[in-house]
Protein backbone atom coordinates (compact mmCIF):
# COMPACT_ATOMS: atom_id res chain seq x y z
CA MET A 1 42.93 -25.46 -244.11
CA ALA A 2 42.92 -28.61 -241.95
CA ARG A 3 46.46 -27.91 -240.67
CA GLN A 4 45.58 -24.31 -239.87
CA ARG A 5 42.52 -25.34 -237.81
CA ASP A 6 44.34 -28.36 -236.29
CA VAL A 7 41.67 -30.87 -237.45
CA ASP A 8 41.61 -33.88 -239.78
CA LEU A 9 40.65 -33.91 -243.48
CA VAL A 10 38.28 -36.89 -243.93
CA GLU A 11 37.05 -38.16 -247.28
CA VAL A 12 33.29 -38.72 -246.86
CA ALA A 13 32.15 -39.79 -250.33
CA ALA A 14 34.95 -40.96 -252.60
CA GLN A 15 32.55 -42.11 -255.34
CA ALA A 16 30.98 -38.65 -255.80
CA SER A 17 32.14 -36.36 -258.57
CA PRO A 18 34.02 -34.35 -257.27
CA PRO A 19 34.96 -36.39 -254.13
CA VAL A 20 33.52 -34.98 -250.88
CA ALA A 21 35.76 -34.31 -247.88
CA ARG A 22 35.08 -32.81 -244.42
CA LEU A 23 37.16 -31.02 -241.85
CA MET A 24 36.57 -32.76 -238.50
CA ASP A 25 38.20 -34.28 -235.43
CA PHE A 26 38.31 -37.90 -236.62
CA GLY A 27 38.98 -39.38 -233.15
CA ARG A 28 35.93 -37.65 -231.73
CA PHE A 29 33.85 -38.73 -234.73
CA LYS A 30 34.81 -42.41 -234.22
CA TYR A 31 34.03 -42.16 -230.48
CA GLU A 32 30.56 -40.67 -231.08
CA GLN A 33 29.85 -43.30 -233.75
CA SER A 34 30.74 -46.16 -231.39
CA LYS A 35 28.63 -44.54 -228.67
CA LYS A 36 25.61 -44.44 -231.01
CA GLU A 37 26.12 -48.11 -231.93
CA ARG A 38 26.25 -49.12 -228.24
CA GLU A 39 23.06 -47.16 -227.56
CA ALA A 40 21.34 -48.85 -230.52
CA ARG A 41 22.38 -52.29 -229.22
CA LYS A 42 20.90 -51.46 -225.81
CA HIS A 43 17.46 -50.94 -227.31
CA GLN A 44 17.59 -54.07 -229.46
CA GLN A 45 15.62 -57.05 -228.29
CA ASN A 46 17.45 -60.35 -228.52
CA VAL A 47 15.02 -62.97 -229.79
CA GLN A 48 15.94 -66.47 -228.72
CA LEU A 49 14.70 -69.76 -230.08
CA ARG A 50 13.31 -71.76 -227.14
CA GLU A 51 12.17 -75.37 -227.44
CA VAL A 52 9.24 -77.31 -225.98
CA ARG A 53 9.57 -81.08 -226.39
CA MET A 54 6.83 -83.72 -226.32
CA LYS A 55 6.34 -87.35 -227.15
CA PRO A 56 3.34 -88.77 -229.08
CA LYS A 57 1.96 -90.61 -226.02
CA ILE A 58 1.68 -87.43 -223.94
CA ASP A 59 -1.40 -86.98 -221.71
CA ASP A 60 -3.92 -84.12 -222.10
CA HIS A 61 -2.87 -82.35 -218.91
CA ASP A 62 0.78 -82.48 -219.96
CA ILE A 63 -0.11 -81.03 -223.37
CA ASP A 64 -1.91 -78.15 -221.64
CA PHE A 65 1.09 -77.57 -219.36
CA LYS A 66 3.56 -77.53 -222.27
CA THR A 67 1.22 -75.22 -224.21
CA ARG A 68 1.09 -72.76 -221.28
CA THR A 69 4.89 -72.85 -221.12
CA ALA A 70 5.11 -72.09 -224.84
CA ALA A 71 2.59 -69.24 -224.44
CA LYS A 72 4.67 -67.73 -221.62
CA LEU A 73 7.80 -67.88 -223.78
CA LEU A 74 5.98 -66.30 -226.72
CA LYS A 75 4.67 -63.46 -224.53
CA GLU A 76 8.26 -62.80 -223.42
CA GLY A 77 9.10 -62.25 -227.09
CA ASP A 78 11.01 -65.46 -227.84
CA LYS A 79 10.38 -67.81 -230.75
CA VAL A 80 9.28 -71.30 -229.77
CA LYS A 81 10.23 -74.56 -231.46
CA VAL A 82 7.65 -77.25 -230.66
CA THR A 83 9.20 -80.69 -231.10
CA VAL A 84 7.54 -84.11 -231.03
CA MET A 85 10.12 -86.85 -230.46
CA PHE A 86 9.36 -90.33 -231.78
CA ARG A 87 10.87 -93.41 -230.12
CA GLY A 88 11.08 -96.90 -231.51
CA ARG A 89 8.07 -97.88 -233.61
CA GLU A 90 6.24 -94.60 -232.94
CA ILE A 91 7.89 -93.23 -236.10
CA THR A 92 5.56 -95.41 -238.19
CA HIS A 93 2.66 -93.14 -237.15
CA PRO A 94 3.75 -89.56 -237.92
CA GLN A 95 0.09 -88.50 -238.19
CA ILE A 96 -0.15 -88.72 -234.39
CA GLY A 97 2.71 -86.25 -234.03
CA LYS A 98 1.20 -83.98 -236.70
CA ALA A 99 -2.16 -83.99 -234.88
CA LEU A 100 -0.37 -83.12 -231.61
CA ILE A 101 1.50 -80.22 -233.23
CA ASP A 102 -1.71 -78.99 -234.88
CA ARG A 103 -3.44 -79.02 -231.50
CA VAL A 104 -0.67 -76.94 -229.90
CA VAL A 105 -0.56 -74.49 -232.82
CA LYS A 106 -4.35 -74.08 -232.72
CA SER A 107 -4.31 -73.30 -229.01
CA LEU A 108 -1.51 -70.73 -229.48
CA GLU A 109 -2.87 -69.05 -232.61
CA HIS A 110 -4.19 -66.11 -230.55
CA ILE A 111 -0.62 -64.98 -229.72
CA ALA A 112 1.62 -66.59 -232.36
CA THR A 113 2.09 -67.17 -236.04
CA VAL A 114 3.65 -70.21 -237.66
CA GLU A 115 7.08 -69.24 -238.96
CA LYS A 116 8.06 -72.68 -240.25
CA GLU A 117 5.51 -75.40 -240.97
CA ALA A 118 5.73 -78.84 -239.34
CA THR A 119 8.49 -80.96 -240.83
CA LEU A 120 9.74 -84.45 -240.01
CA GLU A 121 13.52 -84.46 -239.61
CA GLY A 122 14.75 -87.90 -238.63
CA ARG A 123 12.88 -88.91 -235.47
CA HIS A 124 11.77 -85.34 -234.62
CA MET A 125 8.77 -83.45 -236.01
CA THR A 126 9.14 -79.70 -235.45
CA VAL A 127 7.29 -76.45 -236.01
CA ILE A 128 8.60 -72.96 -235.23
CA LEU A 129 6.21 -70.35 -233.80
CA ALA A 130 6.97 -66.63 -233.68
CA PRO A 131 5.22 -64.17 -231.35
CA ASP A 132 2.68 -61.91 -233.06
CA LYS A 133 3.17 -58.55 -231.36
CA LYS A 134 -0.13 -57.14 -232.63
CA LYS A 135 -2.15 -60.08 -231.27
CA ILE A 136 -0.30 -59.97 -227.92
CA ALA A 137 -0.88 -56.20 -227.62
CA ALA A 138 -4.58 -56.62 -228.43
CA LEU A 139 -4.83 -59.40 -225.84
CA ALA A 140 -3.12 -57.23 -223.20
CA LYS A 141 -5.42 -54.30 -224.02
CA ALA A 142 -8.51 -56.51 -223.67
CA ALA A 143 -7.24 -57.82 -220.33
CA ALA A 144 -6.64 -54.26 -219.10
CA GLN A 145 -10.17 -53.23 -220.12
CA GLN A 146 -11.61 -56.28 -218.39
CA THR A 147 -9.68 -55.47 -215.23
CA ALA A 148 -10.89 -51.87 -215.34
CA ALA A 149 -14.49 -53.03 -215.83
CA ALA A 150 -14.17 -55.45 -212.92
CA ALA A 151 -12.72 -52.74 -210.66
CA LYS A 152 -15.51 -50.24 -211.37
CA PRO A 153 -18.35 -52.20 -209.65
CA ASP A 154 -16.09 -52.70 -206.63
CA ASP A 155 -15.79 -48.93 -206.24
CA GLU A 156 -19.59 -48.56 -206.36
CA GLU A 157 -19.94 -51.41 -203.87
CA GLU A 158 -17.41 -49.80 -201.50
CA ALA A 159 -19.31 -46.51 -201.76
CA ALA A 160 -22.57 -48.29 -200.86
CA ILE A 161 -20.89 -49.95 -197.84
CA ALA A 162 -19.49 -46.61 -196.69
CA ALA A 163 -22.93 -44.99 -197.02
CA ALA A 164 -24.54 -47.80 -195.03
CA ALA A 165 -21.89 -47.50 -192.32
CA ALA A 166 -22.50 -43.75 -192.09
CA ALA A 167 -26.25 -44.30 -191.69
CA ALA A 168 -25.88 -47.04 -189.03
CA PRO A 169 -26.46 -46.09 -185.37
CA VAL A 170 -23.30 -45.48 -183.36
CA VAL A 171 -22.75 -47.75 -180.33
CA SER A 172 -20.43 -46.42 -177.67
CA ASP A 173 -17.84 -48.57 -175.93
CA ASP A 174 -19.30 -47.68 -172.50
CA ASP A 175 -22.45 -49.73 -173.16
CA HIS A 176 -20.50 -52.98 -173.58
CA GLU A 177 -17.61 -53.24 -171.18
CA ILE A 178 -15.92 -56.61 -171.09
CA ASP A 179 -14.21 -57.98 -168.00
CA ASP A 180 -10.86 -59.48 -169.04
CA ASP A 181 -10.93 -62.23 -166.40
CA ASP A 182 -13.89 -64.32 -167.54
CA GLY A 183 -15.07 -62.61 -170.77
CA GLU A 184 -18.53 -61.68 -169.39
CA ASP A 185 -20.04 -58.21 -169.56
CA ALA A 186 -19.23 -56.00 -166.62
CA ASP A 187 -22.78 -54.61 -166.59
CA GLU A 188 -24.26 -57.96 -165.62
CA GLU A 189 -22.16 -58.34 -162.41
């Protein structure tokens, strides 16, 4: 039958009893399958592991800056590895690094979840945070509602200004001519 129709005989399920075969153009089938795989890869989101590094003696402002950077990376959909690097004798006080990591995790808990708890590996203490899509979506929705609520009074205010402008008396340009030479009114000359 395959030779008569000028198509290929392809075994689909060899394990079935009896084995299942189809009559098809195998070249076209392989092409369409690769096309579907390429399309699926297009819609995949590549999640990268990004790193934010700190040292135990970091200042408050610098902690806030690094935390904002981590939040930006999480909102972009990447995982974030927060690392505290110990130098010299700082390694004798790992509780300082743990407190620093806990502070960062607490400030990012509204958009992230802890994927891997804080661990001390050599001279580096690390924690891995993953973006929580539900929390980020809820945060974006709340921001959109807040923006909409803030825009609504502006519309009412603009309407009130327009109404006041319509009710104001109209002054013609003829009443106040200005002489270009010295900037005084022409009526006074």
